[in-house]
Amino acid sequence: MTKRNIVHVEFSSNNLEESGKFYHELFGWKITAVPEMSYSLWEAGDGSGGGFNPLGGYTKPGDVLVYVDSDDIEADLKKAKSLGATIVQEKHEIPQQGWFGIFKDKTGNMVALYTDMHPASGKE
């Protein structure tokens, strides 16, 4: 069973390259562009990480999306909905990485759920 750890944090960006440069210069984070997904990854020195999500769809300036580890995304989304959340994204595959789903809580905060396709990678 997962420990419900935060496993990924995304910052919304109107310019992925510029955002990556800013955080690299500010914090020394390693930045990796993933052009085929219109995305960039960041990794801090302690191994924590996340990405820069382009604006549009369900992201707007100032949004930060936190991903929480989930053993069963469908069940967690169903429970969130029963508690008053709105489902923003049903379970969806990230090719060769894992799966995610997104809900908006009653206040409007968006939270993503994530299941790693390769759980032995240490995210427990």
PDB file of N, CA and C in Angstrom:
ATOM      1  N   MET A   1       0.836  -1.188   0.000  1.00  0.00           N
ATOM      2  CA  MET A   1       0.000   0.000   0.000  1.00  0.00           C
ATOM      3  C   MET A   1       0.876   1.244   0.000  1.00  0.00           C
ATOM      4  N   THR A   2       0.456   2.227  -0.753  1.00  0.00           N
ATOM      5  CA  THR A   2       1.210   3.481  -0.810  1.00  0.00           C
ATOM      6  C   THR A   2       1.101   4.220   0.520  1.00  0.00           C
ATOM      7  N   LYS A   3       2.031   5.122   0.710  1.00  0.00           N
ATOM      8  CA  LYS A   3       2.034   5.954   1.918  1.00  0.00           C
ATOM      9  C   LYS A   3       1.400   7.305   1.664  1.00  0.00           C
ATOM     10  N   ARG A   4       0.822   7.465   0.471  1.00  0.00           N
ATOM     11  CA  ARG A   4       0.164   8.717   0.084  1.00  0.00           C
ATOM     12  C   ARG A   4       1.137   9.888   0.054  1.00  0.00           C
ATOM     13  N   ASN A   5       2.384   9.591  -0.311  1.00  0.00           N
ATOM     14  CA  ASN A   5       3.402  10.623  -0.430  1.00  0.00           C
ATOM     15  C   ASN A   5       3.132  11.517  -1.629  1.00  0.00           C
ATOM     16  N   ILE A   6       3.614  12.729  -1.538  1.00  0.00           N
ATOM     17  CA  ILE A   6       3.631  13.613  -2.695  1.00  0.00           C
ATOM     18  C   ILE A   6       4.789  13.137  -3.556  1.00  0.00           C
ATOM     19  N   VAL A   7       4.499  12.819  -4.828  1.00  0.00           N
ATOM     20  CA  VAL A   7       5.510  12.217  -5.684  1.00  0.00           C
ATOM     21  C   VAL A   7       5.913  13.096  -6.869  1.00  0.00           C
ATOM     22  N   HIS A   8       5.198  14.212  -7.082  1.00  0.00           N
ATOM     23  CA  HIS A   8       5.487  15.047  -8.245  1.00  0.00           C
ATOM     24  C   HIS A   8       4.778  16.382  -8.041  1.00  0.00           C
ATOM     25  N   VAL A   9       5.399  17.478  -8.449  1.00  0.00           N
ATOM     26  CA  VAL A   9       4.781  18.801  -8.343  1.00  0.00           C
ATOM     27  C   VAL A   9       4.964  19.513  -9.677  1.00  0.00           C
ATOM     28  N   GLU A  10       3.854  20.012 -10.228  1.00  0.00           N
ATOM     29  CA  GLU A  10       3.904  20.721 -11.502  1.00  0.00           C
ATOM     30  C   GLU A  10       3.587  22.201 -11.315  1.00  0.00           C
ATOM     31  N   PHE A  11       4.410  23.027 -11.948  1.00  0.00           N
ATOM     32  CA  PHE A  11       4.174  24.460 -12.010  1.00  0.00           C
ATOM     33  C   PHE A  11       3.656  24.787 -13.403  1.00  0.00           C
ATOM     34  N   SER A  12       2.629  25.598 -13.498  1.00  0.00           N
ATOM     35  CA  SER A  12       2.131  26.040 -14.800  1.00  0.00           C
ATOM     36  C   SER A  12       3.104  27.043 -15.391  1.00  0.00           C
ATOM     37  N   SER A  13       3.243  27.008 -16.710  1.00  0.00           N
ATOM     38  CA  SER A  13       4.217  27.876 -17.364  1.00  0.00           C
ATOM     39  C   SER A  13       3.729  28.309 -18.735  1.00  0.00           C
ATOM     40  N   ASN A  14       3.971  29.577 -19.062  1.00  0.00           N
ATOM     41  CA  ASN A  14       3.668  30.046 -20.417  1.00  0.00           C
ATOM     42  C   ASN A  14       4.893  29.920 -21.316  1.00  0.00           C
ATOM     43  N   ASN A  15       6.048  29.546 -20.733  1.00  0.00           N
ATOM     44  CA  ASN A  15       7.271  29.350 -21.499  1.00  0.00           C
ATOM     45  C   ASN A  15       8.124  28.320 -20.750  1.00  0.00           C
ATOM     46  N   LEU A  16       8.076  27.074 -21.185  1.00  0.00           N
ATOM     47  CA  LEU A  16       8.768  25.993 -20.480  1.00  0.00           C
ATOM     48  C   LEU A  16      10.272  26.222 -20.385  1.00  0.00           C
ATOM     49  N   GLU A  17      10.886  26.679 -21.464  1.00  0.00           N
ATOM     50  CA  GLU A  17      12.330  26.907 -21.466  1.00  0.00           C
ATOM     51  C   GLU A  17      12.712  28.004 -20.471  1.00  0.00           C
ATOM     52  N   GLU A  18      11.943  29.083 -20.485  1.00  0.00           N
ATOM     53  CA  GLU A  18      12.207  30.195 -19.574  1.00  0.00           C
ATOM     54  C   GLU A  18      12.011  29.777 -18.113  1.00  0.00           C
ATOM     55  N   SER A  19      10.952  29.006 -17.840  1.00  0.00           N
ATOM     56  CA  SER A  19      10.716  28.536 -16.472  1.00  0.00           C
ATOM     57  C   SER A  19      11.847  27.625 -16.004  1.00  0.00           C
ATOM     58  N   GLY A  20      12.250  26.712 -16.880  1.00  0.00           N
ATOM     59  CA  GLY A  20      13.350  25.815 -16.526  1.00  0.00           C
ATOM     60  C   GLY A  20      14.625  26.580 -16.230  1.00  0.00           C
ATOM     61  N   LYS A  21      14.942  27.562 -17.057  1.00  0.00           N
ATOM     62  CA  LYS A  21      16.142  28.380 -16.848  1.00  0.00           C
ATOM     63  C   LYS A  21      16.058  29.126 -15.514  1.00  0.00           C
ATOM     64  N   PHE A  22      14.892  29.708 -15.219  1.00  0.00           N
ATOM     65  CA  PHE A  22      14.700  30.447 -13.975  1.00  0.00           C
ATOM     66  C   PHE A  22      14.986  29.564 -12.757  1.00  0.00           C
ATOM     67  N   TYR A  23      14.357  28.387 -12.705  1.00  0.00           N
ATOM     68  CA  TYR A  23      14.522  27.523 -11.533  1.00  0.00           C
ATOM     69  C   TYR A  23      15.895  26.861 -11.484  1.00  0.00           C
ATOM     70  N   HIS A  24      16.490  26.646 -12.637  1.00  0.00           N
ATOM     71  CA  HIS A  24      17.863  26.129 -12.632  1.00  0.00           C
ATOM     72  C   HIS A  24      18.806  27.171 -12.035  1.00  0.00           C
ATOM     73  N   GLU A  25      18.667  28.422 -12.478  1.00  0.00           N
ATOM     74  CA  GLU A  25      19.535  29.481 -11.969  1.00  0.00           C
ATOM     75  C   GLU A  25      19.248  29.808 -10.508  1.00  0.00           C
ATOM     76  N   LEU A  26      17.980  29.734 -10.104  1.00  0.00           N
ATOM     77  CA  LEU A  26      17.604  30.066  -8.736  1.00  0.00           C
ATOM     78  C   LEU A  26      18.003  28.965  -7.747  1.00  0.00           C
ATOM     79  N   PHE A  27      17.633  27.726  -8.058  1.00  0.00           N
ATOM     80  CA  PHE A  27      17.818  26.625  -7.111  1.00  0.00           C
ATOM     81  C   PHE A  27      18.842  25.585  -7.545  1.00  0.00           C
ATOM     82  N   GLY A  28      19.324  25.668  -8.778  1.00  0.00           N
ATOM     83  CA  GLY A  28      20.255  24.664  -9.277  1.00  0.00           C
ATOM     84  C   GLY A  28      19.585  23.366  -9.697  1.00  0.00           C
ATOM     85  N   TRP A  29      18.268  23.401  -9.888  1.00  0.00           N
ATOM     86  CA  TRP A  29      17.546  22.194 -10.283  1.00  0.00           C
ATOM     87  C   TRP A  29      17.987  21.731 -11.663  1.00  0.00           C
ATOM     88  N   LYS A  30      18.038  20.417 -11.836  1.00  0.00           N
ATOM     89  CA  LYS A  30      18.310  19.822 -13.139  1.00  0.00           C
ATOM     90  C   LYS A  30      17.013  19.908 -13.952  1.00  0.00           C
ATOM     91  N   ILE A  31      17.120  20.403 -15.175  1.00  0.00           N
ATOM     92  CA  ILE A  31      15.956  20.567 -16.046  1.00  0.00           C
ATOM     93  C   ILE A  31      16.136  19.666 -17.268  1.00  0.00           C
ATOM     94  N   THR A  32      15.089  18.908 -17.587  1.00  0.00           N
ATOM     95  CA  THR A  32      15.111  18.025 -18.749  1.00  0.00           C
ATOM     96  C   THR A  32      13.875  18.311 -19.602  1.00  0.00           C
ATOM     97  N   ALA A  33      14.107  18.750 -20.825  1.00  0.00           N
ATOM     98  CA  ALA A  33      12.998  19.009 -21.749  1.00  0.00           C
ATOM     99  C   ALA A  33      12.464  17.687 -22.293  1.00  0.00           C
ATOM    100  N   VAL A  34      11.148  17.615 -22.424  1.00  0.00           N
ATOM    101  CA  VAL A  34      10.479  16.464 -23.034  1.00  0.00           C
ATOM    102  C   VAL A  34       9.603  17.034 -24.155  1.00  0.00           C
ATOM    103  N   PRO A  35      10.221  17.410 -25.279  1.00  0.00           N
ATOM    104  CA  PRO A  35       9.501  18.131 -26.329  1.00  0.00           C
ATOM    105  C   PRO A  35       8.325  17.357 -26.919  1.00  0.00           C
ATOM    106  N   GLU A  36       8.425  16.036 -27.002  1.00  0.00           N
ATOM    107  CA  GLU A  36       7.322  15.265 -27.581  1.00  0.00           C
ATOM    108  C   GLU A  36       6.058  15.319 -26.734  1.00  0.00           C
ATOM    109  N   MET A  37       6.187  15.755 -25.479  1.00  0.00           N
ATOM    110  CA  MET A  37       5.028  15.902 -24.599  1.00  0.00           C
ATOM    111  C   MET A  37       4.740  17.370 -24.286  1.00  0.00           C
ATOM    112  N   SER A  38       5.468  18.311 -24.926  1.00  0.00           N
ATOM    113  CA  SER A  38       5.353  19.737 -24.604  1.00  0.00           C
ATOM    114  C   SER A  38       5.460  19.923 -23.092  1.00  0.00           C
ATOM    115  N   TYR A  39       6.562  19.444 -22.529  1.00  0.00           N
ATOM    116  CA  TYR A  39       6.716  19.355 -21.080  1.00  0.00           C
ATOM    117  C   TYR A  39       8.196  19.475 -20.735  1.00  0.00           C
ATOM    118  N   SER A  40       8.489  19.908 -19.527  1.00  0.00           N
ATOM    119  CA  SER A  40       9.840  19.879 -18.996  1.00  0.00           C
ATOM    120  C   SER A  40       9.793  19.322 -17.590  1.00  0.00           C
ATOM    121  N   LEU A  41      10.786  18.526 -17.239  1.00  0.00           N
ATOM    122  CA  LEU A  41      10.907  17.958 -15.897  1.00  0.00           C
ATOM    123  C   LEU A  41      11.926  18.754 -15.105  1.00  0.00           C
ATOM    124  N   TRP A  42      11.726  18.821 -13.792  1.00  0.00           N
ATOM    125  CA  TRP A  42      12.741  19.388 -12.910  1.00  0.00           C
ATOM    126  C   TRP A  42      13.052  18.368 -11.825  1.00  0.00           C
ATOM    127  N   GLU A  43      14.296  18.386 -11.353  1.00  0.00           N
ATOM    128  CA  GLU A  43      14.715  17.498 -10.278  1.00  0.00           C
ATOM    129  C   GLU A  43      15.599  18.283  -9.318  1.00  0.00           C
ATOM    130  N   ALA A  44      15.207  18.264  -8.045  1.00  0.00           N
ATOM    131  CA  ALA A  44      15.981  18.940  -7.010  1.00  0.00           C
ATOM    132  C   ALA A  44      17.101  18.007  -6.537  1.00  0.00           C
ATOM    133  N   GLY A  45      18.023  18.541  -5.790  1.00  0.00           N
ATOM    134  CA  GLY A  45      19.159  17.769  -5.307  1.00  0.00           C
ATOM    135  C   GLY A  45      18.799  16.611  -4.408  1.00  0.00           C
ATOM    136  N   ASP A  46      17.650  16.669  -3.741  1.00  0.00           N
ATOM    137  CA  ASP A  46      17.254  15.595  -2.830  1.00  0.00           C
ATOM    138  C   ASP A  46      16.498  14.470  -3.533  1.00  0.00           C
ATOM    139  N   GLY A  47      16.347  14.573  -4.858  1.00  0.00           N
ATOM    140  CA  GLY A  47      15.623  13.552  -5.604  1.00  0.00           C
ATOM    141  C   GLY A  47      14.163  13.880  -5.831  1.00  0.00           C
ATOM    142  N   SER A  48      13.640  14.898  -5.145  1.00  0.00           N
ATOM    143  CA  SER A  48      12.250  15.293  -5.410  1.00  0.00           C
ATOM    144  C   SER A  48      12.195  15.948  -6.780  1.00  0.00           C
ATOM    145  N   GLY A  49      11.007  15.980  -7.350  1.00  0.00           N
ATOM    146  CA  GLY A  49      10.923  16.560  -8.662  1.00  0.00           C
ATOM    147  C   GLY A  49       9.505  16.791  -9.114  1.00  0.00           C
ATOM    148  N   GLY A  50       9.415  17.245 -10.343  1.00  0.00           N
ATOM    149  CA  GLY A  50       8.127  17.543 -10.927  1.00  0.00           C
ATOM    150  C   GLY A  50       8.311  18.016 -12.341  1.00  0.00           C
ATOM    151  N   GLY A  51       7.466  18.945 -12.744  1.00  0.00           N
ATOM    152  CA  GLY A  51       7.534  19.411 -14.109  1.00  0.00           C
ATOM    153  C   GLY A  51       6.969  20.789 -14.282  1.00  0.00           C
ATOM    154  N   PHE A  52       7.088  21.261 -15.511  1.00  0.00           N
ATOM    155  CA  PHE A  52       6.495  22.523 -15.929  1.00  0.00           C
ATOM    156  C   PHE A  52       5.435  22.171 -16.953  1.00  0.00           C
ATOM    157  N   ASN A  53       4.196  22.484 -16.618  1.00  0.00           N
ATOM    158  CA  ASN A  53       3.036  22.148 -17.425  1.00  0.00           C
ATOM    159  C   ASN A  53       2.644  23.363 -18.249  1.00  0.00           C
ATOM    160  N   PRO A  54       2.455  23.207 -19.577  1.00  0.00           N
ATOM    161  CA  PRO A  54       2.040  24.374 -20.359  1.00  0.00           C
ATOM    162  C   PRO A  54       0.652  24.859 -19.967  1.00  0.00           C
ATOM    163  N   LEU A  55       0.440  26.153 -20.089  1.00  0.00           N
ATOM    164  CA  LEU A  55      -0.871  26.725 -19.805  1.00  0.00           C
ATOM    165  C   LEU A  55      -1.898  26.213 -20.808  1.00  0.00           C
ATOM    166  N   GLY A  56      -3.139  26.152 -20.363  1.00  0.00           N
ATOM    167  CA  GLY A  56      -4.220  25.700 -21.227  1.00  0.00           C
ATOM    168  C   GLY A  56      -4.892  24.486 -20.627  1.00  0.00           C
ATOM    169  N   GLY A  57      -5.959  24.061 -21.252  1.00  0.00           N
ATOM    170  CA  GLY A  57      -6.678  22.907 -20.717  1.00  0.00           C
ATOM    171  C   GLY A  57      -7.160  23.196 -19.313  1.00  0.00           C
ATOM    172  N   TYR A  58      -6.634  22.496 -18.356  1.00  0.00           N
ATOM    173  CA  TYR A  58      -7.056  22.690 -16.968  1.00  0.00           C
ATOM    174  C   TYR A  58      -6.035  23.496 -16.159  1.00  0.00           C
ATOM    175  N   THR A  59      -5.023  24.094 -16.809  1.00  0.00           N
ATOM    176  CA  THR A  59      -4.031  24.873 -16.060  1.00  0.00           C
ATOM    177  C   THR A  59      -4.077  26.340 -16.477  1.00  0.00           C
ATOM    178  N   LYS A  60      -3.923  27.193 -15.478  1.00  0.00           N
ATOM    179  CA  LYS A  60      -3.882  28.628 -15.724  1.00  0.00           C
ATOM    180  C   LYS A  60      -2.697  29.210 -14.944  1.00  0.00           C
ATOM    181  N   PRO A  61      -2.297  30.447 -15.231  1.00  0.00           N
ATOM    182  CA  PRO A  61      -1.176  31.040 -14.519  1.00  0.00           C
ATOM    183  C   PRO A  61      -1.372  30.962 -13.002  1.00  0.00           C
ATOM    184  N   GLY A  62      -0.330  30.571 -12.309  1.00  0.00           N
ATOM    185  CA  GLY A  62      -0.362  30.493 -10.854  1.00  0.00           C
ATOM    186  C   GLY A  62      -0.741  29.127 -10.313  1.00  0.00           C
ATOM    187  N   ASP A  63      -1.219  28.237 -11.171  1.00  0.00           N
ATOM    188  CA  ASP A  63      -1.598  26.899 -10.707  1.00  0.00           C
ATOM    189  C   ASP A  63      -0.365  26.065 -10.372  1.00  0.00           C
ATOM    190  N   VAL A  64      -0.455  25.351  -9.282  1.00  0.00           N
ATOM    191  CA  VAL A  64       0.532  24.344  -8.898  1.00  0.00           C
ATOM    192  C   VAL A  64      -0.255  23.061  -8.685  1.00  0.00           C
ATOM    193  N   LEU A  65       0.168  21.994  -9.346  1.00  0.00           N
ATOM    194  CA  LEU A  65      -0.535  20.720  -9.258  1.00  0.00           C
ATOM    195  C   LEU A  65       0.334  19.725  -8.506  1.00  0.00           C
ATOM    196  N   VAL A  66      -0.184  19.205  -7.399  1.00  0.00           N
ATOM    197  CA  VAL A  66       0.525  18.249  -6.560  1.00  0.00           C
ATOM    198  C   VAL A  66       0.005  16.857  -6.892  1.00  0.00           C
ATOM    199  N   TYR A  67       0.911  15.914  -7.110  1.00  0.00           N
ATOM    200  CA  TYR A  67       0.563  14.523  -7.400  1.00  0.00           C
ATOM    201  C   TYR A  67       0.784  13.684  -6.147  1.00  0.00           C
ATOM    202  N   VAL A  68      -0.241  12.937  -5.754  1.00  0.00           N
ATOM    203  CA  VAL A  68      -0.194  12.073  -4.577  1.00  0.00           C
ATOM    204  C   VAL A  68      -0.210  10.618  -5.047  1.00  0.00           C
ATOM    205  N   ASP A  69       0.647   9.809  -4.453  1.00  0.00           N
ATOM    206  CA  ASP A  69       0.744   8.395  -4.791  1.00  0.00           C
ATOM    207  C   ASP A  69      -0.579   7.689  -4.519  1.00  0.00           C
ATOM    208  N   SER A  70      -1.005   6.822  -5.433  1.00  0.00           N
ATOM    209  CA  SER A  70      -2.277   6.118  -5.309  1.00  0.00           C
ATOM    210  C   SER A  70      -2.127   4.671  -5.746  1.00  0.00           C
ATOM    211  N   ASP A  71      -2.689   3.757  -4.981  1.00  0.00           N
ATOM    212  CA  ASP A  71      -2.737   2.347  -5.377  1.00  0.00           C
ATOM    213  C   ASP A  71      -3.878   2.077  -6.340  1.00  0.00           C
ATOM    214  N   ASP A  72      -4.923   2.897  -6.302  1.00  0.00           N
ATOM    215  CA  ASP A  72      -6.118   2.665  -7.123  1.00  0.00           C
ATOM    216  C   ASP A  72      -6.744   4.014  -7.475  1.00  0.00           C
ATOM    217  N   ILE A  73      -6.329   4.560  -8.593  1.00  0.00           N
ATOM    218  CA  ILE A  73      -6.780   5.886  -8.999  1.00  0.00           C
ATOM    219  C   ILE A  73      -8.292   5.946  -9.152  1.00  0.00           C
ATOM    220  N   GLU A  74      -8.881   4.932  -9.797  1.00  0.00           N
ATOM    221  CA  GLU A  74     -10.338   4.949  -9.992  1.00  0.00           C
ATOM    222  C   GLU A  74     -11.077   4.995  -8.663  1.00  0.00           C
ATOM    223  N   ALA A  75     -10.639   4.183  -7.703  1.00  0.00           N
ATOM    224  CA  ALA A  75     -11.301   4.159  -6.394  1.00  0.00           C
ATOM    225  C   ALA A  75     -11.112   5.491  -5.668  1.00  0.00           C
ATOM    226  N   ASP A  76      -9.913   6.059  -5.754  1.00  0.00           N
ATOM    227  CA  ASP A  76      -9.668   7.346  -5.094  1.00  0.00           C
ATOM    228  C   ASP A  76     -10.500   8.461  -5.726  1.00  0.00           C
ATOM    229  N   LEU A  77     -10.625   8.465  -7.065  1.00  0.00           N
ATOM    230  CA  LEU A  77     -11.452   9.471  -7.725  1.00  0.00           C
ATOM    231  C   LEU A  77     -12.916   9.315  -7.323  1.00  0.00           C
ATOM    232  N   LYS A  78     -13.375   8.079  -7.251  1.00  0.00           N
ATOM    233  CA  LYS A  78     -14.762   7.816  -6.856  1.00  0.00           C
ATOM    234  C   LYS A  78     -15.009   8.317  -5.430  1.00  0.00           C
ATOM    235  N   LYS A  79     -14.064   8.051  -4.528  1.00  0.00           N
ATOM    236  CA  LYS A  79     -14.210   8.498  -3.140  1.00  0.00           C
ATOM    237  C   LYS A  79     -14.182  10.020  -3.065  1.00  0.00           C
ATOM    238  N   ALA A  80     -13.240  10.635  -3.805  1.00  0.00           N
ATOM    239  CA  ALA A  80     -13.155  12.105  -3.819  1.00  0.00           C
ATOM    240  C   ALA A  80     -14.482  12.701  -4.277  1.00  0.00           C
ATOM    241  N   LYS A  81     -15.063  12.126  -5.338  1.00  0.00           N
ATOM    242  CA  LYS A  81     -16.349  12.615  -5.854  1.00  0.00           C
ATOM    243  C   LYS A  81     -17.441  12.467  -4.803  1.00  0.00           C
ATOM    244  N   SER A  82     -17.445  11.337  -4.083  1.00  0.00           N
ATOM    245  CA  SER A  82     -18.466  11.134  -3.045  1.00  0.00           C
ATOM    246  C   SER A  82     -18.328  12.127  -1.898  1.00  0.00           C
ATOM    247  N   LEU A  83     -17.131  12.698  -1.757  1.00  0.00           N
ATOM    248  CA  LEU A  83     -16.880  13.693  -0.707  1.00  0.00           C
ATOM    249  C   LEU A  83     -17.082  15.122  -1.209  1.00  0.00           C
ATOM    250  N   GLY A  84     -17.550  15.262  -2.463  1.00  0.00           N
ATOM    251  CA  GLY A  84     -17.857  16.585  -2.984  1.00  0.00           C
ATOM    252  C   GLY A  84     -16.892  17.123  -4.022  1.00  0.00           C
ATOM    253  N   ALA A  85     -15.887  16.340  -4.392  1.00  0.00           N
ATOM    254  CA  ALA A  85     -14.926  16.795  -5.398  1.00  0.00           C
ATOM    255  C   ALA A  85     -15.530  16.686  -6.798  1.00  0.00           C
ATOM    256  N   THR A  86     -14.928  17.416  -7.714  1.00  0.00           N
ATOM    257  CA  THR A  86     -15.272  17.347  -9.124  1.00  0.00           C
ATOM    258  C   THR A  86     -14.124  16.654  -9.846  1.00  0.00           C
ATOM    259  N   ILE A  87     -14.437  15.689 -10.692  1.00  0.00           N
ATOM    260  CA  ILE A  87     -13.393  14.997 -11.441  1.00  0.00           C
ATOM    261  C   ILE A  87     -13.018  15.851 -12.650  1.00  0.00           C
ATOM    262  N   VAL A  88     -11.728  16.158 -12.769  1.00  0.00           N
ATOM    263  CA  VAL A  88     -11.210  16.973 -13.864  1.00  0.00           C
ATOM    264  C   VAL A  88     -10.657  16.073 -14.964  1.00  0.00           C
ATOM    265  N   GLN A  89      -9.990  14.988 -14.571  1.00  0.00           N
ATOM    266  CA  GLN A  89      -9.385  14.053 -15.520  1.00  0.00           C
ATOM    267  C   GLN A  89      -9.529  12.638 -14.967  1.00  0.00           C
ATOM    268  N   GLU A  90     -10.254  11.795 -15.666  1.00  0.00           N
ATOM    269  CA  GLU A  90     -10.326  10.384 -15.290  1.00  0.00           C
ATOM    270  C   GLU A  90      -8.940   9.763 -15.452  1.00  0.00           C
ATOM    271  N   LYS A  91      -8.755   8.553 -14.961  1.00  0.00           N
ATOM    272  CA  LYS A  91      -7.461   7.867 -15.074  1.00  0.00           C
ATOM    273  C   LYS A  91      -6.993   7.879 -16.526  1.00  0.00           C
ATOM    274  N   HIS A  92      -5.733   8.278 -16.696  1.00  0.00           N
ATOM    275  CA  HIS A  92      -5.153   8.428 -18.027  1.00  0.00           C
ATOM    276  C   HIS A  92      -3.697   7.970 -17.978  1.00  0.00           C
ATOM    277  N   GLU A  93      -3.252   7.292 -19.016  1.00  0.00           N
ATOM    278  CA  GLU A  93      -1.870   6.786 -19.045  1.00  0.00           C
ATOM    279  C   GLU A  93      -0.889   7.859 -19.501  1.00  0.00           C
ATOM    280  N   ILE A  94       0.254   7.897 -18.847  1.00  0.00           N
ATOM    281  CA  ILE A  94       1.413   8.657 -19.290  1.00  0.00           C
ATOM    282  C   ILE A  94       2.325   7.594 -19.894  1.00  0.00           C
ATOM    283  N   PRO A  95       2.493   7.556 -21.205  1.00  0.00           N
ATOM    284  CA  PRO A  95       3.222   6.465 -21.845  1.00  0.00           C
ATOM    285  C   PRO A  95       4.575   6.175 -21.194  1.00  0.00           C
ATOM    286  N   GLN A  96       4.770   4.914 -20.877  1.00  0.00           N
ATOM    287  CA  GLN A  96       6.009   4.376 -20.311  1.00  0.00           C
ATOM    288  C   GLN A  96       6.339   4.930 -18.929  1.00  0.00           C
ATOM    289  N   GLN A  97       5.400   5.639 -18.284  1.00  0.00           N
ATOM    290  CA  GLN A  97       5.645   6.213 -16.968  1.00  0.00           C
ATOM    291  C   GLN A  97       4.673   5.696 -15.914  1.00  0.00           C
ATOM    292  N   GLY A  98       3.384   5.835 -16.194  1.00  0.00           N
ATOM    293  CA  GLY A  98       2.380   5.463 -15.199  1.00  0.00           C
ATOM    294  C   GLY A  98       1.016   5.998 -15.588  1.00  0.00           C
ATOM    295  N   TRP A  99       0.179   6.255 -14.584  1.00  0.00           N
ATOM    296  CA  TRP A  99      -1.178   6.733 -14.811  1.00  0.00           C
ATOM    297  C   TRP A  99      -1.474   7.863 -13.840  1.00  0.00           C
ATOM    298  N   PHE A 100      -2.400   8.751 -14.241  1.00  0.00           N
ATOM    299  CA  PHE A 100      -2.803   9.830 -13.351  1.00  0.00           C
ATOM    300  C   PHE A 100      -4.281  10.122 -13.531  1.00  0.00           C
ATOM    301  N   GLY A 101      -4.853  10.769 -12.556  1.00  0.00           N
ATOM    302  CA  GLY A 101      -6.203  11.291 -12.586  1.00  0.00           C
ATOM    303  C   GLY A 101      -6.198  12.569 -11.769  1.00  0.00           C
ATOM    304  N   ILE A 102      -7.133  13.469 -12.050  1.00  0.00           N
ATOM    305  CA  ILE A 102      -7.137  14.767 -11.357  1.00  0.00           C
ATOM    306  C   ILE A 102      -8.544  15.076 -10.858  1.00  0.00           C
ATOM    307  N   PHE A 103      -8.603  15.592  -9.637  1.00  0.00           N
ATOM    308  CA  PHE A 103      -9.874  16.074  -9.106  1.00  0.00           C
ATOM    309  C   PHE A 103      -9.699  17.474  -8.554  1.00  0.00           C
ATOM    310  N   LYS A 104     -10.824  18.177  -8.418  1.00  0.00           N
ATOM    311  CA  LYS A 104     -10.846  19.513  -7.815  1.00  0.00           C
ATOM    312  C   LYS A 104     -11.645  19.379  -6.524  1.00  0.00           C
ATOM    313  N   ASP A 105     -11.032  19.777  -5.402  1.00  0.00           N
ATOM    314  CA  ASP A 105     -11.739  19.679  -4.128  1.00  0.00           C
ATOM    315  C   ASP A 105     -12.816  20.758  -4.026  1.00  0.00           C
ATOM    316  N   LYS A 106     -13.549  20.770  -2.927  1.00  0.00           N
ATOM    317  CA  LYS A 106     -14.664  21.710  -2.769  1.00  0.00           C
ATOM    318  C   LYS A 106     -14.228  23.169  -2.817  1.00  0.00           C
ATOM    319  N   THR A 107     -12.979  23.439  -2.464  1.00  0.00           N
ATOM    320  CA  THR A 107     -12.472  24.803  -2.477  1.00  0.00           C
ATOM    321  C   THR A 107     -11.991  25.220  -3.857  1.00  0.00           C
ATOM    322  N   GLY A 108     -11.739  24.241  -4.718  1.00  0.00           N
ATOM    323  CA  GLY A 108     -11.241  24.535  -6.054  1.00  0.00           C
ATOM    324  C   GLY A 108      -9.789  24.152  -6.269  1.00  0.00           C
ATOM    325  N   ASN A 109      -9.141  23.595  -5.237  1.00  0.00           N
ATOM    326  CA  ASN A 109      -7.767  23.135  -5.388  1.00  0.00           C
ATOM    327  C   ASN A 109      -7.747  21.867  -6.230  1.00  0.00           C
ATOM    328  N   MET A 110      -6.838  21.803  -7.193  1.00  0.00           N
ATOM    329  CA  MET A 110      -6.706  20.601  -7.995  1.00  0.00           C
ATOM    330  C   MET A 110      -5.598  19.732  -7.415  1.00  0.00           C
ATOM    331  N   VAL A 111      -5.874  18.438  -7.356  1.00  0.00           N
ATOM    332  CA  VAL A 111      -4.927  17.449  -6.853  1.00  0.00           C
ATOM    333  C   VAL A 111      -4.908  16.305  -7.854  1.00  0.00           C
ATOM    334  N   ALA A 112      -3.712  15.821  -8.161  1.00  0.00           N
ATOM    335  CA  ALA A 112      -3.574  14.687  -9.069  1.00  0.00           C
ATOM    336  C   ALA A 112      -3.216  13.443  -8.274  1.00  0.00           C
ATOM    337  N   LEU A 113      -3.671  12.319  -8.762  1.00  0.00           N
ATOM    338  CA  LEU A 113      -3.323  11.010  -8.206  1.00  0.00           C
ATOM    339  C   LEU A 113      -2.404  10.339  -9.216  1.00  0.00           C
ATOM    340  N   TYR A 114      -1.423   9.576  -8.723  1.00  0.00           N
ATOM    341  CA  TYR A 114      -0.435   8.986  -9.624  1.00  0.00           C
ATOM    342  C   TYR A 114      -0.112   7.563  -9.206  1.00  0.00           C
ATOM    343  N   THR A 115      -0.027   6.685 -10.203  1.00  0.00           N
ATOM    344  CA  THR A 115       0.441   5.318 -10.006  1.00  0.00           C
ATOM    345  C   THR A 115       1.608   5.101 -10.958  1.00  0.00           C
ATOM    346  N   ASP A 116       2.747   4.733 -10.410  1.00  0.00           N
ATOM    347  CA  ASP A 116       3.963   4.522 -11.187  1.00  0.00           C
ATOM    348  C   ASP A 116       3.885   3.186 -11.928  1.00  0.00           C
ATOM    349  N   MET A 117       4.251   3.174 -13.193  1.00  0.00           N
ATOM    350  CA  MET A 117       4.283   1.949 -13.975  1.00  0.00           C
ATOM    351  C   MET A 117       5.437   1.052 -13.525  1.00  0.00           C
ATOM    352  N   HIS A 118       6.426   1.656 -12.881  1.00  0.00           N
ATOM    353  CA  HIS A 118       7.630   0.949 -12.434  1.00  0.00           C
ATOM    354  C   HIS A 118       7.807   1.176 -10.929  1.00  0.00           C
ATOM    355  N   PRO A 119       6.975   0.580 -10.097  1.00  0.00           N
ATOM    356  CA  PRO A 119       6.978   0.900  -8.660  1.00  0.00           C
ATOM    357  C   PRO A 119       8.281   0.606  -7.945  1.00  0.00           C
ATOM    358  N   ALA A 120       9.149  -0.188  -8.506  1.00  0.00           N
ATOM    359  CA  ALA A 120      10.427  -0.477  -7.860  1.00  0.00           C
ATOM    360  C   ALA A 120      11.371   0.705  -7.924  1.00  0.00           C
ATOM    361  N   SER A 121      10.951   1.798  -8.574  1.00  0.00           N
ATOM    362  CA  SER A 121      11.824   2.961  -8.737  1.00  0.00           C
ATOM    363  C   SER A 121      12.024   3.740  -7.450  1.00  0.00           C
ATOM    364  N   GLY A 122      11.404   3.282  -6.350  1.00  0.00           N
ATOM    365  CA  GLY A 122      11.656   3.893  -5.059  1.00  0.00           C
ATOM    366  C   GLY A 122      10.590   4.853  -4.581  1.00  0.00           C
ATOM    367  N   LYS A 123       9.501   5.044  -5.298  1.00  0.00           N
ATOM    368  CA  LYS A 123       8.447   5.954  -4.875  1.00  0.00           C
ATOM    369  C   LYS A 123       7.425   5.202  -4.056  1.00  0.00           C
ATOM    370  N   GLU A 124       7.753   4.921  -2.831  1.00  0.00           N
ATOM    371  CA  GLU A 124       6.818   4.222  -1.958  1.00  0.00           C
ATOM    372  C   GLU A 124       6.573   5.010  -0.707  1.00  0.00           C
TER     373      GLU A 124
END
